[in-house]
Amino acid sequence: VHPVRMNGFVIGVAQTFHYFKKMQERINNFIVRTSKIDKDELERMMLKSDELLNDMGTILIGEQAVECGLIDKVGGIKDALDKLKELLKSYQKVAIAYSGGCDSNFLYQVALQTLSKENVLAVLCVGKMMSKEDIDSARMMAGKGQFIEVPLDVFTIEQFTNNRKDRCYHCKKQVMAKVIEAAQSHDFKITLDG
């Protein structure tokens, strides 16, 4: 457990440190919201300076992470896959924001195996941000099940084209809005992002 850090040259102005602090707060809030760890305890572990050589943080092994509330239990990949399948079964029918990349394709394939193809919809946003090769590859990999394409021109997103530091957030927000809208129009109420 360690704080956000960056390699390479960093311009040490107040805005840089404010940005790092903001990023760390978002990460900490997510961890606290999705686990049972106390925020003060998390920050204490992240800022500990006597456990790691030339670094900050705390090393937790297995049950230690359970005891502090960071995770619910120690398990392996089989446990994680079983949990994913359990969640998918509870949803019964899902749309997946699909890019053809490792994460979305893995989620798509597990969903197909768990729910069957009539209960899984892959939604691919296509536009100038994806190469023809990436689109063709995504189409090929999604070939087994239901698959739709939604046009999206990210260059119409002002925050993206102005190259703001939060451009990725605005692009992803627009992509997910399009995916959710398309999924709902095909009667898929739950949309997952892999």
N, C-alpha and C. Protein backbone atom coordinates (compact mmCIF):
# COMPACT_ATOMS: atom_id res chain seq x y z
N VAL A 1 0.87 -1.15 0.00
CA VAL A 1 0.00 0.00 0.00
C VAL A 1 0.92 1.22 0.00
N HIS A 2 0.85 2.00 -1.08
CA HIS A 2 1.73 3.17 -1.16
C HIS A 2 1.01 4.32 -1.83
N PRO A 3 1.49 5.55 -1.61
CA PRO A 3 0.84 6.71 -2.25
C PRO A 3 1.17 6.80 -3.72
N VAL A 4 0.43 7.66 -4.41
CA VAL A 4 0.69 7.94 -5.82
C VAL A 4 2.10 8.51 -5.94
N ARG A 5 2.79 8.09 -6.98
CA ARG A 5 4.12 8.64 -7.25
C ARG A 5 4.33 8.69 -8.73
N MET A 6 5.38 9.36 -9.13
CA MET A 6 5.63 9.51 -10.56
C MET A 6 7.12 9.39 -10.81
N ASN A 7 7.44 8.71 -11.89
CA ASN A 7 8.85 8.61 -12.30
C ASN A 7 9.16 9.74 -13.27
N GLY A 8 10.43 10.04 -13.38
CA GLY A 8 10.84 11.03 -14.37
C GLY A 8 10.83 12.44 -13.83
N PHE A 9 10.96 13.37 -14.71
CA PHE A 9 11.07 14.78 -14.38
C PHE A 9 9.70 15.35 -14.01
N VAL A 10 9.63 15.99 -12.87
CA VAL A 10 8.38 16.61 -12.41
C VAL A 10 8.66 18.08 -12.14
N ILE A 11 7.86 18.96 -12.73
CA ILE A 11 8.00 20.38 -12.44
C ILE A 11 7.30 20.65 -11.13
N GLY A 12 8.06 21.02 -10.12
CA GLY A 12 7.55 21.16 -8.76
C GLY A 12 6.91 22.50 -8.48
N VAL A 13 5.78 22.77 -9.09
CA VAL A 13 5.03 23.98 -8.81
C VAL A 13 3.82 23.60 -7.97
N ALA A 14 3.20 24.59 -7.37
CA ALA A 14 2.07 24.33 -6.48
C ALA A 14 0.96 23.52 -7.17
N GLN A 15 0.69 23.81 -8.43
CA GLN A 15 -0.37 23.11 -9.17
C GLN A 15 -0.06 21.61 -9.31
N THR A 16 1.21 21.28 -9.47
CA THR A 16 1.60 19.87 -9.58
C THR A 16 1.27 19.14 -8.29
N PHE A 17 1.64 19.73 -7.17
CA PHE A 17 1.38 19.09 -5.89
C PHE A 17 -0.12 19.03 -5.60
N HIS A 18 -0.85 20.05 -6.00
CA HIS A 18 -2.31 20.03 -5.84
C HIS A 18 -2.92 18.91 -6.66
N TYR A 19 -2.43 18.72 -7.89
CA TYR A 19 -2.92 17.66 -8.76
C TYR A 19 -2.67 16.28 -8.14
N PHE A 20 -1.44 16.05 -7.62
CA PHE A 20 -1.13 14.78 -6.97
C PHE A 20 -2.01 14.55 -5.75
N LYS A 21 -2.22 15.59 -4.98
CA LYS A 21 -3.06 15.48 -3.78
C LYS A 21 -4.50 15.11 -4.17
N LYS A 22 -5.02 15.77 -5.21
CA LYS A 22 -6.37 15.49 -5.68
C LYS A 22 -6.50 14.05 -6.18
N MET A 23 -5.50 13.60 -6.94
CA MET A 23 -5.50 12.23 -7.45
C MET A 23 -5.46 11.23 -6.28
N GLN A 24 -4.62 11.50 -5.28
CA GLN A 24 -4.52 10.60 -4.13
C GLN A 24 -5.83 10.56 -3.35
N GLU A 25 -6.47 11.71 -3.18
CA GLU A 25 -7.76 11.75 -2.47
C GLU A 25 -8.80 10.91 -3.19
N ARG A 26 -8.85 10.98 -4.52
CA ARG A 26 -9.81 10.18 -5.29
C ARG A 26 -9.55 8.69 -5.10
N ILE A 27 -8.29 8.30 -5.15
CA ILE A 27 -7.93 6.89 -4.97
C ILE A 27 -8.30 6.43 -3.56
N ASN A 28 -7.94 7.24 -2.56
CA ASN A 28 -8.24 6.88 -1.18
C ASN A 28 -9.75 6.76 -0.96
N ASN A 29 -10.51 7.71 -1.48
CA ASN A 29 -11.97 7.66 -1.33
C ASN A 29 -12.56 6.42 -1.98
N PHE A 30 -12.04 6.04 -3.14
CA PHE A 30 -12.51 4.82 -3.81
C PHE A 30 -12.21 3.60 -2.95
N ILE A 31 -10.98 3.50 -2.43
CA ILE A 31 -10.60 2.35 -1.60
C ILE A 31 -11.47 2.27 -0.36
N VAL A 32 -11.67 3.39 0.32
CA VAL A 32 -12.48 3.41 1.54
C VAL A 32 -13.94 3.06 1.22
N ARG A 33 -14.45 3.57 0.10
CA ARG A 33 -15.84 3.32 -0.29
C ARG A 33 -16.08 1.85 -0.66
N THR A 34 -15.06 1.18 -1.21
CA THR A 34 -15.25 -0.18 -1.70
C THR A 34 -14.62 -1.25 -0.82
N SER A 35 -14.16 -0.86 0.36
CA SER A 35 -13.59 -1.83 1.30
C SER A 35 -14.07 -1.49 2.70
N LYS A 36 -13.48 -2.13 3.68
CA LYS A 36 -13.87 -1.87 5.08
C LYS A 36 -12.76 -1.16 5.85
N ILE A 37 -11.75 -0.68 5.16
CA ILE A 37 -10.62 -0.05 5.83
C ILE A 37 -10.98 1.38 6.25
N ASP A 38 -10.47 1.79 7.38
CA ASP A 38 -10.66 3.15 7.88
C ASP A 38 -9.73 4.09 7.11
N LYS A 39 -10.23 5.27 6.76
CA LYS A 39 -9.45 6.21 5.95
C LYS A 39 -8.14 6.61 6.63
N ASP A 40 -8.19 6.87 7.93
CA ASP A 40 -6.97 7.26 8.65
C ASP A 40 -5.94 6.13 8.65
N GLU A 41 -6.42 4.89 8.80
CA GLU A 41 -5.53 3.72 8.80
C GLU A 41 -4.89 3.55 7.41
N LEU A 42 -5.68 3.73 6.36
CA LEU A 42 -5.16 3.63 5.00
C LEU A 42 -4.05 4.66 4.78
N GLU A 43 -4.32 5.90 5.16
CA GLU A 43 -3.32 6.96 4.98
C GLU A 43 -2.08 6.71 5.83
N ARG A 44 -2.25 6.18 7.03
CA ARG A 44 -1.10 5.85 7.88
C ARG A 44 -0.22 4.80 7.20
N MET A 45 -0.85 3.77 6.63
CA MET A 45 -0.09 2.72 5.95
C MET A 45 0.62 3.26 4.70
N MET A 46 -0.06 4.14 3.98
CA MET A 46 0.55 4.69 2.76
C MET A 46 1.76 5.56 3.06
N LEU A 47 1.70 6.27 4.16
CA LEU A 47 2.76 7.24 4.47
C LEU A 47 3.83 6.70 5.40
N LYS A 48 3.74 5.43 5.76
CA LYS A 48 4.74 4.82 6.64
C LYS A 48 6.09 4.85 5.95
N SER A 49 7.12 5.30 6.67
CA SER A 49 8.43 5.47 6.02
C SER A 49 9.53 4.57 6.59
N ASP A 50 9.19 3.67 7.51
CA ASP A 50 10.24 2.85 8.11
C ASP A 50 10.17 1.38 7.71
N GLU A 51 9.32 1.03 6.74
CA GLU A 51 9.18 -0.38 6.35
C GLU A 51 9.84 -0.70 5.02
N LEU A 52 9.80 0.22 4.08
CA LEU A 52 10.36 0.00 2.76
C LEU A 52 11.64 0.81 2.59
N LEU A 53 12.63 0.21 1.98
CA LEU A 53 13.89 0.89 1.73
C LEU A 53 13.70 1.93 0.63
N ASN A 54 14.04 3.16 0.89
CA ASN A 54 13.95 4.25 -0.09
C ASN A 54 12.56 4.46 -0.65
N ASP A 55 11.53 4.22 0.16
CA ASP A 55 10.17 4.38 -0.33
C ASP A 55 9.24 4.56 0.86
N MET A 56 7.98 4.80 0.55
CA MET A 56 6.95 4.93 1.57
C MET A 56 5.92 3.85 1.35
N GLY A 57 5.25 3.45 2.42
CA GLY A 57 4.18 2.48 2.27
C GLY A 57 4.29 1.33 3.24
N THR A 58 3.39 0.38 3.07
CA THR A 58 3.31 -0.78 3.95
C THR A 58 3.13 -2.03 3.09
N ILE A 59 3.85 -3.09 3.44
CA ILE A 59 3.68 -4.37 2.76
C ILE A 59 2.68 -5.19 3.56
N LEU A 60 1.61 -5.63 2.89
CA LEU A 60 0.61 -6.49 3.51
C LEU A 60 0.62 -7.83 2.78
N ILE A 61 0.60 -8.90 3.53
CA ILE A 61 0.59 -10.23 2.93
C ILE A 61 -0.67 -10.96 3.37
N GLY A 62 -1.47 -11.37 2.39
CA GLY A 62 -2.63 -12.22 2.61
C GLY A 62 -3.56 -11.78 3.72
N GLU A 63 -3.54 -12.51 4.81
CA GLU A 63 -4.46 -12.27 5.94
C GLU A 63 -4.31 -10.87 6.54
N GLN A 64 -3.14 -10.26 6.42
CA GLN A 64 -2.96 -8.90 6.94
C GLN A 64 -3.89 -7.93 6.21
N ALA A 65 -4.06 -8.13 4.92
CA ALA A 65 -4.95 -7.27 4.14
C ALA A 65 -6.40 -7.50 4.54
N VAL A 66 -6.74 -8.74 4.92
CA VAL A 66 -8.10 -9.04 5.40
C VAL A 66 -8.31 -8.40 6.77
N GLU A 67 -7.34 -8.55 7.67
CA GLU A 67 -7.46 -8.03 9.04
C GLU A 67 -7.66 -6.52 9.07
N CYS A 68 -7.03 -5.79 8.19
CA CYS A 68 -7.17 -4.32 8.20
C CYS A 68 -8.40 -3.87 7.41
N GLY A 69 -9.09 -4.81 6.75
CA GLY A 69 -10.32 -4.46 6.03
C GLY A 69 -10.13 -4.05 4.58
N LEU A 70 -8.91 -4.20 4.07
CA LEU A 70 -8.64 -3.81 2.68
C LEU A 70 -9.31 -4.77 1.69
N ILE A 71 -9.32 -6.05 2.02
CA ILE A 71 -10.00 -7.06 1.21
C ILE A 71 -10.87 -7.93 2.12
N ASP A 72 -11.83 -8.64 1.52
CA ASP A 72 -12.73 -9.48 2.30
C ASP A 72 -12.12 -10.83 2.66
N LYS A 73 -11.38 -11.40 1.71
CA LYS A 73 -10.76 -12.70 1.97
C LYS A 73 -9.60 -12.90 1.01
N VAL A 74 -8.75 -13.84 1.38
CA VAL A 74 -7.62 -14.19 0.54
C VAL A 74 -8.10 -15.26 -0.43
N GLY A 75 -7.78 -15.09 -1.68
CA GLY A 75 -8.20 -16.08 -2.68
C GLY A 75 -7.32 -15.99 -3.90
N GLY A 76 -7.59 -16.87 -4.82
CA GLY A 76 -6.82 -16.91 -6.05
C GLY A 76 -7.67 -16.50 -7.24
N ILE A 77 -7.15 -16.74 -8.42
CA ILE A 77 -7.83 -16.35 -9.64
C ILE A 77 -9.15 -17.11 -9.79
N LYS A 78 -9.19 -18.37 -9.35
CA LYS A 78 -10.43 -19.15 -9.43
C LYS A 78 -11.52 -18.51 -8.59
N ASP A 79 -11.17 -18.05 -7.40
CA ASP A 79 -12.14 -17.37 -6.54
C ASP A 79 -12.66 -16.10 -7.20
N ALA A 80 -11.76 -15.34 -7.81
CA ALA A 80 -12.15 -14.09 -8.48
C ALA A 80 -13.07 -14.39 -9.66
N LEU A 81 -12.74 -15.41 -10.43
CA LEU A 81 -13.56 -15.78 -11.58
C LEU A 81 -14.93 -16.29 -11.13
N ASP A 82 -14.96 -17.07 -10.07
CA ASP A 82 -16.24 -17.54 -9.52
C ASP A 82 -17.10 -16.37 -9.06
N LYS A 83 -16.48 -15.37 -8.44
CA LYS A 83 -17.22 -14.19 -7.98
C LYS A 83 -17.76 -13.41 -9.18
N LEU A 84 -16.95 -13.26 -10.22
CA LEU A 84 -17.41 -12.57 -11.43
C LEU A 84 -18.62 -13.29 -12.03
N LYS A 85 -18.55 -14.59 -12.12
CA LYS A 85 -19.66 -15.37 -12.67
C LYS A 85 -20.91 -15.25 -11.80
N GLU A 86 -20.71 -15.25 -10.49
CA GLU A 86 -21.84 -15.07 -9.56
C GLU A 86 -22.52 -13.72 -9.78
N LEU A 87 -21.72 -12.67 -9.93
CA LEU A 87 -22.27 -11.34 -10.19
C LEU A 87 -23.00 -11.29 -11.52
N LEU A 88 -22.40 -11.87 -12.55
CA LEU A 88 -23.04 -11.89 -13.87
C LEU A 88 -24.38 -12.61 -13.82
N LYS A 89 -24.42 -13.74 -13.12
CA LYS A 89 -25.69 -14.48 -13.00
C LYS A 89 -26.75 -13.65 -12.29
N SER A 90 -26.33 -12.87 -11.30
CA SER A 90 -27.29 -12.03 -10.58
C SER A 90 -27.84 -10.92 -11.48
N TYR A 91 -27.06 -10.48 -12.47
CA TYR A 91 -27.51 -9.45 -13.41
C TYR A 91 -28.41 -10.04 -14.49
N GLN A 92 -28.21 -11.30 -14.83
CA GLN A 92 -28.99 -12.05 -15.82
C GLN A 92 -28.77 -11.62 -17.26
N LYS A 93 -28.66 -10.34 -17.52
CA LYS A 93 -28.54 -9.82 -18.88
C LYS A 93 -27.67 -8.56 -18.83
N VAL A 94 -26.60 -8.53 -19.64
CA VAL A 94 -25.68 -7.39 -19.55
C VAL A 94 -25.22 -6.91 -20.93
N ALA A 95 -24.99 -5.62 -21.00
CA ALA A 95 -24.29 -5.03 -22.14
C ALA A 95 -22.87 -4.71 -21.67
N ILE A 96 -21.94 -4.78 -22.58
CA ILE A 96 -20.54 -4.54 -22.22
C ILE A 96 -19.97 -3.47 -23.15
N ALA A 97 -19.39 -2.44 -22.54
CA ALA A 97 -18.66 -1.43 -23.32
C ALA A 97 -17.44 -2.16 -23.87
N TYR A 98 -17.44 -2.37 -25.17
CA TYR A 98 -16.49 -3.29 -25.79
C TYR A 98 -15.51 -2.54 -26.69
N SER A 99 -14.22 -2.84 -26.49
CA SER A 99 -13.21 -2.24 -27.36
C SER A 99 -12.44 -3.31 -28.13
N GLY A 100 -12.58 -4.55 -27.70
CA GLY A 100 -11.78 -5.63 -28.29
C GLY A 100 -10.45 -5.79 -27.61
N GLY A 101 -10.18 -4.93 -26.61
CA GLY A 101 -8.94 -5.04 -25.83
C GLY A 101 -9.03 -6.18 -24.83
N CYS A 102 -7.96 -6.39 -24.10
CA CYS A 102 -7.87 -7.51 -23.16
C CYS A 102 -9.00 -7.50 -22.12
N ASP A 103 -9.22 -6.37 -21.48
CA ASP A 103 -10.19 -6.31 -20.38
C ASP A 103 -11.62 -6.52 -20.86
N SER A 104 -12.03 -5.77 -21.88
CA SER A 104 -13.42 -5.89 -22.33
C SER A 104 -13.66 -7.25 -23.00
N ASN A 105 -12.66 -7.78 -23.69
CA ASN A 105 -12.83 -9.08 -24.32
C ASN A 105 -12.91 -10.20 -23.28
N PHE A 106 -12.12 -10.10 -22.23
CA PHE A 106 -12.19 -11.09 -21.15
C PHE A 106 -13.58 -11.07 -20.52
N LEU A 107 -14.05 -9.88 -20.16
CA LEU A 107 -15.38 -9.75 -19.55
C LEU A 107 -16.45 -10.28 -20.49
N TYR A 108 -16.36 -9.95 -21.76
CA TYR A 108 -17.31 -10.40 -22.77
C TYR A 108 -17.34 -11.93 -22.87
N GLN A 109 -16.18 -12.53 -22.93
CA GLN A 109 -16.10 -13.99 -23.07
C GLN A 109 -16.65 -14.70 -21.84
N VAL A 110 -16.33 -14.21 -20.65
CA VAL A 110 -16.86 -14.81 -19.42
C VAL A 110 -18.37 -14.63 -19.36
N ALA A 111 -18.85 -13.46 -19.76
CA ALA A 111 -20.30 -13.22 -19.77
C ALA A 111 -21.00 -14.16 -20.75
N LEU A 112 -20.42 -14.37 -21.93
CA LEU A 112 -21.00 -15.29 -22.90
C LEU A 112 -21.09 -16.71 -22.34
N GLN A 113 -20.03 -17.15 -21.69
CA GLN A 113 -20.00 -18.50 -21.11
C GLN A 113 -21.01 -18.63 -19.97
N THR A 114 -21.19 -17.54 -19.21
CA THR A 114 -22.03 -17.59 -18.03
C THR A 114 -23.50 -17.38 -18.34
N LEU A 115 -23.80 -16.47 -19.27
CA LEU A 115 -25.19 -16.05 -19.50
C LEU A 115 -25.79 -16.50 -20.83
N SER A 116 -25.00 -16.91 -21.76
CA SER A 116 -25.39 -17.27 -23.12
C SER A 116 -25.53 -16.02 -23.99
N LYS A 117 -25.37 -16.21 -25.29
CA LYS A 117 -25.23 -15.05 -26.19
C LYS A 117 -26.46 -14.16 -26.29
N GLU A 118 -27.66 -14.68 -26.06
CA GLU A 118 -28.85 -13.81 -26.14
C GLU A 118 -28.95 -12.84 -24.96
N ASN A 119 -28.15 -13.07 -23.92
CA ASN A 119 -28.18 -12.22 -22.73
C ASN A 119 -26.95 -11.33 -22.58
N VAL A 120 -26.15 -11.26 -23.65
CA VAL A 120 -24.93 -10.45 -23.61
C VAL A 120 -24.86 -9.62 -24.90
N LEU A 121 -24.62 -8.33 -24.74
CA LEU A 121 -24.52 -7.43 -25.89
C LEU A 121 -23.20 -6.66 -25.79
N ALA A 122 -22.37 -6.80 -26.82
CA ALA A 122 -21.13 -6.00 -26.90
C ALA A 122 -21.45 -4.72 -27.65
N VAL A 123 -21.04 -3.58 -27.08
CA VAL A 123 -21.29 -2.28 -27.70
C VAL A 123 -19.94 -1.62 -27.96
N LEU A 124 -19.64 -1.42 -29.23
CA LEU A 124 -18.37 -0.83 -29.64
C LEU A 124 -18.61 0.57 -30.19
N CYS A 125 -17.97 1.57 -29.61
CA CYS A 125 -18.01 2.93 -30.15
C CYS A 125 -16.93 3.02 -31.23
N VAL A 126 -17.34 3.40 -32.43
CA VAL A 126 -16.39 3.50 -33.53
C VAL A 126 -16.31 4.95 -33.99
N GLY A 127 -15.12 5.32 -34.38
CA GLY A 127 -14.90 6.67 -34.86
C GLY A 127 -13.43 6.88 -35.15
N LYS A 128 -13.04 8.12 -35.28
CA LYS A 128 -11.67 8.47 -35.66
C LYS A 128 -10.64 8.06 -34.61
N MET A 129 -11.09 7.82 -33.39
CA MET A 129 -10.14 7.50 -32.33
C MET A 129 -9.65 6.05 -32.41
N MET A 130 -10.30 5.21 -33.26
CA MET A 130 -9.88 3.82 -33.42
C MET A 130 -9.41 3.58 -34.84
N SER A 131 -8.33 2.82 -34.95
CA SER A 131 -7.83 2.48 -36.29
C SER A 131 -8.75 1.44 -36.93
N LYS A 132 -8.70 1.35 -38.23
CA LYS A 132 -9.49 0.34 -38.96
C LYS A 132 -9.12 -1.05 -38.48
N GLU A 133 -7.84 -1.28 -38.22
CA GLU A 133 -7.36 -2.59 -37.75
C GLU A 133 -7.96 -2.92 -36.39
N ASP A 134 -8.03 -1.94 -35.48
CA ASP A 134 -8.62 -2.18 -34.15
C ASP A 134 -10.11 -2.49 -34.26
N ILE A 135 -10.80 -1.77 -35.12
CA ILE A 135 -12.24 -2.01 -35.32
C ILE A 135 -12.47 -3.40 -35.91
N ASP A 136 -11.70 -3.75 -36.93
CA ASP A 136 -11.84 -5.07 -37.55
C ASP A 136 -11.53 -6.19 -36.55
N SER A 137 -10.50 -5.97 -35.74
CA SER A 137 -10.13 -6.95 -34.73
C SER A 137 -11.25 -7.12 -33.69
N ALA A 138 -11.82 -6.02 -33.24
CA ALA A 138 -12.92 -6.07 -32.27
C ALA A 138 -14.12 -6.80 -32.87
N ARG A 139 -14.43 -6.51 -34.10
CA ARG A 139 -15.54 -7.20 -34.78
C ARG A 139 -15.30 -8.71 -34.83
N MET A 140 -14.09 -9.08 -35.17
CA MET A 140 -13.75 -10.50 -35.29
C MET A 140 -13.87 -11.20 -33.93
N MET A 141 -13.31 -10.58 -32.88
CA MET A 141 -13.33 -11.21 -31.56
C MET A 141 -14.73 -11.28 -30.98
N ALA A 142 -15.59 -10.36 -31.33
CA ALA A 142 -16.95 -10.35 -30.78
C ALA A 142 -17.90 -11.19 -31.62
N GLY A 143 -17.39 -11.86 -32.63
CA GLY A 143 -18.20 -12.59 -33.59
C GLY A 143 -19.18 -13.60 -33.05
N LYS A 144 -18.97 -14.13 -31.86
CA LYS A 144 -19.83 -15.19 -31.32
C LYS A 144 -21.20 -14.71 -30.86
N GLY A 145 -21.28 -13.50 -30.42
CA GLY A 145 -22.52 -13.05 -29.77
C GLY A 145 -23.12 -11.81 -30.41
N GLN A 146 -24.03 -11.21 -29.66
CA GLN A 146 -24.67 -9.96 -30.12
C GLN A 146 -23.66 -8.83 -30.05
N PHE A 147 -23.66 -8.03 -31.10
CA PHE A 147 -22.64 -6.99 -31.22
C PHE A 147 -23.22 -5.82 -32.00
N ILE A 148 -23.10 -4.62 -31.45
CA ILE A 148 -23.54 -3.44 -32.18
C ILE A 148 -22.43 -2.40 -32.17
N GLU A 149 -22.47 -1.56 -33.17
CA GLU A 149 -21.51 -0.46 -33.26
C GLU A 149 -22.24 0.86 -33.14
N VAL A 150 -21.65 1.77 -32.39
CA VAL A 150 -22.24 3.08 -32.17
C VAL A 150 -21.23 4.13 -32.64
N PRO A 151 -21.61 5.00 -33.56
CA PRO A 151 -20.68 6.02 -34.02
C PRO A 151 -20.43 7.08 -32.94
N LEU A 152 -19.18 7.48 -32.80
CA LEU A 152 -18.83 8.52 -31.84
C LEU A 152 -17.63 9.29 -32.37
N ASP A 153 -17.79 10.59 -32.49
CA ASP A 153 -16.69 11.45 -32.92
C ASP A 153 -16.19 12.21 -31.70
N VAL A 154 -15.11 11.73 -31.10
CA VAL A 154 -14.58 12.38 -29.89
C VAL A 154 -14.10 13.80 -30.17
N PHE A 155 -13.88 14.12 -31.43
CA PHE A 155 -13.40 15.45 -31.76
C PHE A 155 -14.51 16.51 -31.68
N THR A 156 -15.72 16.07 -31.35
CA THR A 156 -16.81 17.03 -31.09
C THR A 156 -16.89 17.36 -29.60
N ILE A 157 -16.05 16.71 -28.79
CA ILE A 157 -16.03 16.96 -27.34
C ILE A 157 -15.02 18.08 -27.09
N GLU A 158 -15.53 19.24 -26.72
CA GLU A 158 -14.67 20.42 -26.57
C GLU A 158 -13.52 20.18 -25.59
N GLN A 159 -13.83 19.57 -24.45
CA GLN A 159 -12.78 19.33 -23.44
C GLN A 159 -11.70 18.39 -23.96
N PHE A 160 -12.06 17.54 -24.90
CA PHE A 160 -11.09 16.62 -25.52
C PHE A 160 -10.22 17.36 -26.52
N THR A 161 -10.86 18.09 -27.41
CA THR A 161 -10.10 18.77 -28.48
C THR A 161 -9.24 19.91 -27.95
N ASN A 162 -9.62 20.49 -26.82
CA ASN A 162 -8.81 21.55 -26.22
C ASN A 162 -7.61 20.98 -25.47
N ASN A 163 -7.52 19.64 -25.45
CA ASN A 163 -6.39 18.95 -24.83
C ASN A 163 -6.25 19.30 -23.35
N ARG A 164 -7.39 19.43 -22.69
CA ARG A 164 -7.37 19.71 -21.25
C ARG A 164 -6.83 18.50 -20.50
N LYS A 165 -6.35 18.73 -19.29
CA LYS A 165 -5.78 17.60 -18.53
C LYS A 165 -6.86 16.59 -18.15
N ASP A 166 -8.12 16.99 -18.17
CA ASP A 166 -9.20 16.04 -17.86
C ASP A 166 -9.88 15.50 -19.12
N ARG A 167 -9.19 15.57 -20.26
CA ARG A 167 -9.77 15.14 -21.54
C ARG A 167 -10.16 13.67 -21.53
N CYS A 168 -9.39 12.83 -20.87
CA CYS A 168 -9.71 11.40 -20.84
C CYS A 168 -11.02 11.15 -20.09
N TYR A 169 -11.22 11.88 -19.02
CA TYR A 169 -12.48 11.77 -18.27
C TYR A 169 -13.67 12.12 -19.17
N HIS A 170 -13.58 13.23 -19.87
CA HIS A 170 -14.69 13.69 -20.71
C HIS A 170 -14.92 12.74 -21.89
N CYS A 171 -13.86 12.22 -22.45
CA CYS A 171 -13.99 11.26 -23.55
C CYS A 171 -14.68 9.99 -23.04
N LYS A 172 -14.19 9.44 -21.94
CA LYS A 172 -14.78 8.21 -21.36
C LYS A 172 -16.23 8.44 -20.96
N LYS A 173 -16.53 9.60 -20.41
CA LYS A 173 -17.90 9.92 -20.02
C LYS A 173 -18.82 9.89 -21.24
N GLN A 174 -18.37 10.46 -22.34
CA GLN A 174 -19.16 10.49 -23.58
C GLN A 174 -19.31 9.09 -24.16
N VAL A 175 -18.22 8.32 -24.16
CA VAL A 175 -18.26 6.94 -24.66
C VAL A 175 -19.28 6.14 -23.85
N MET A 176 -19.19 6.22 -22.53
CA MET A 176 -20.10 5.43 -21.69
C MET A 176 -21.55 5.89 -21.84
N ALA A 177 -21.78 7.17 -22.01
CA ALA A 177 -23.15 7.67 -22.22
C ALA A 177 -23.72 7.06 -23.51
N LYS A 178 -22.92 7.02 -24.57
CA LYS A 178 -23.37 6.43 -25.84
C LYS A 178 -23.62 4.92 -25.70
N VAL A 179 -22.72 4.24 -24.99
CA VAL A 179 -22.85 2.79 -24.81
C VAL A 179 -24.12 2.48 -24.00
N ILE A 180 -24.33 3.21 -22.91
CA ILE A 180 -25.52 2.98 -22.07
C ILE A 180 -26.79 3.25 -22.85
N GLU A 181 -26.81 4.34 -23.60
CA GLU A 181 -27.98 4.68 -24.42
C GLU A 181 -28.29 3.57 -25.44
N ALA A 182 -27.24 3.09 -26.11
CA ALA A 182 -27.42 2.02 -27.10
C ALA A 182 -27.88 0.74 -26.43
N ALA A 183 -27.30 0.41 -25.29
CA ALA A 183 -27.68 -0.81 -24.57
C ALA A 183 -29.15 -0.75 -24.16
N GLN A 184 -29.57 0.38 -23.60
CA GLN A 184 -30.95 0.53 -23.16
C GLN A 184 -31.93 0.45 -24.34
N SER A 185 -31.52 0.95 -25.50
CA SER A 185 -32.40 0.88 -26.68
C SER A 185 -32.56 -0.56 -27.17
N HIS A 186 -31.67 -1.46 -26.74
CA HIS A 186 -31.77 -2.88 -27.07
C HIS A 186 -32.26 -3.70 -25.87
N ASP A 187 -32.86 -3.00 -24.88
CA ASP A 187 -33.44 -3.62 -23.69
C ASP A 187 -32.41 -4.28 -22.77
N PHE A 188 -31.23 -3.70 -22.70
CA PHE A 188 -30.21 -4.14 -21.75
C PHE A 188 -30.09 -3.04 -20.69
N LYS A 189 -30.49 -3.34 -19.47
CA LYS A 189 -30.55 -2.33 -18.40
C LYS A 189 -29.21 -2.15 -17.68
N ILE A 190 -28.37 -3.19 -17.71
CA ILE A 190 -27.10 -3.15 -16.98
C ILE A 190 -25.96 -3.10 -17.99
N THR A 191 -25.09 -2.12 -17.83
CA THR A 191 -23.93 -1.96 -18.71
C THR A 191 -22.66 -2.08 -17.88
N LEU A 192 -21.75 -2.92 -18.34
CA LEU A 192 -20.47 -3.13 -17.65
C LEU A 192 -19.34 -2.60 -18.51
N ASP A 193 -18.27 -2.22 -17.86
CA ASP A 193 -17.07 -1.72 -18.55
C ASP A 193 -15.91 -2.58 -18.13
N GLY A 194 -15.28 -3.24 -19.10
CA GLY A 194 -14.18 -4.14 -18.78
C GLY A 194 -12.84 -3.53 -19.04
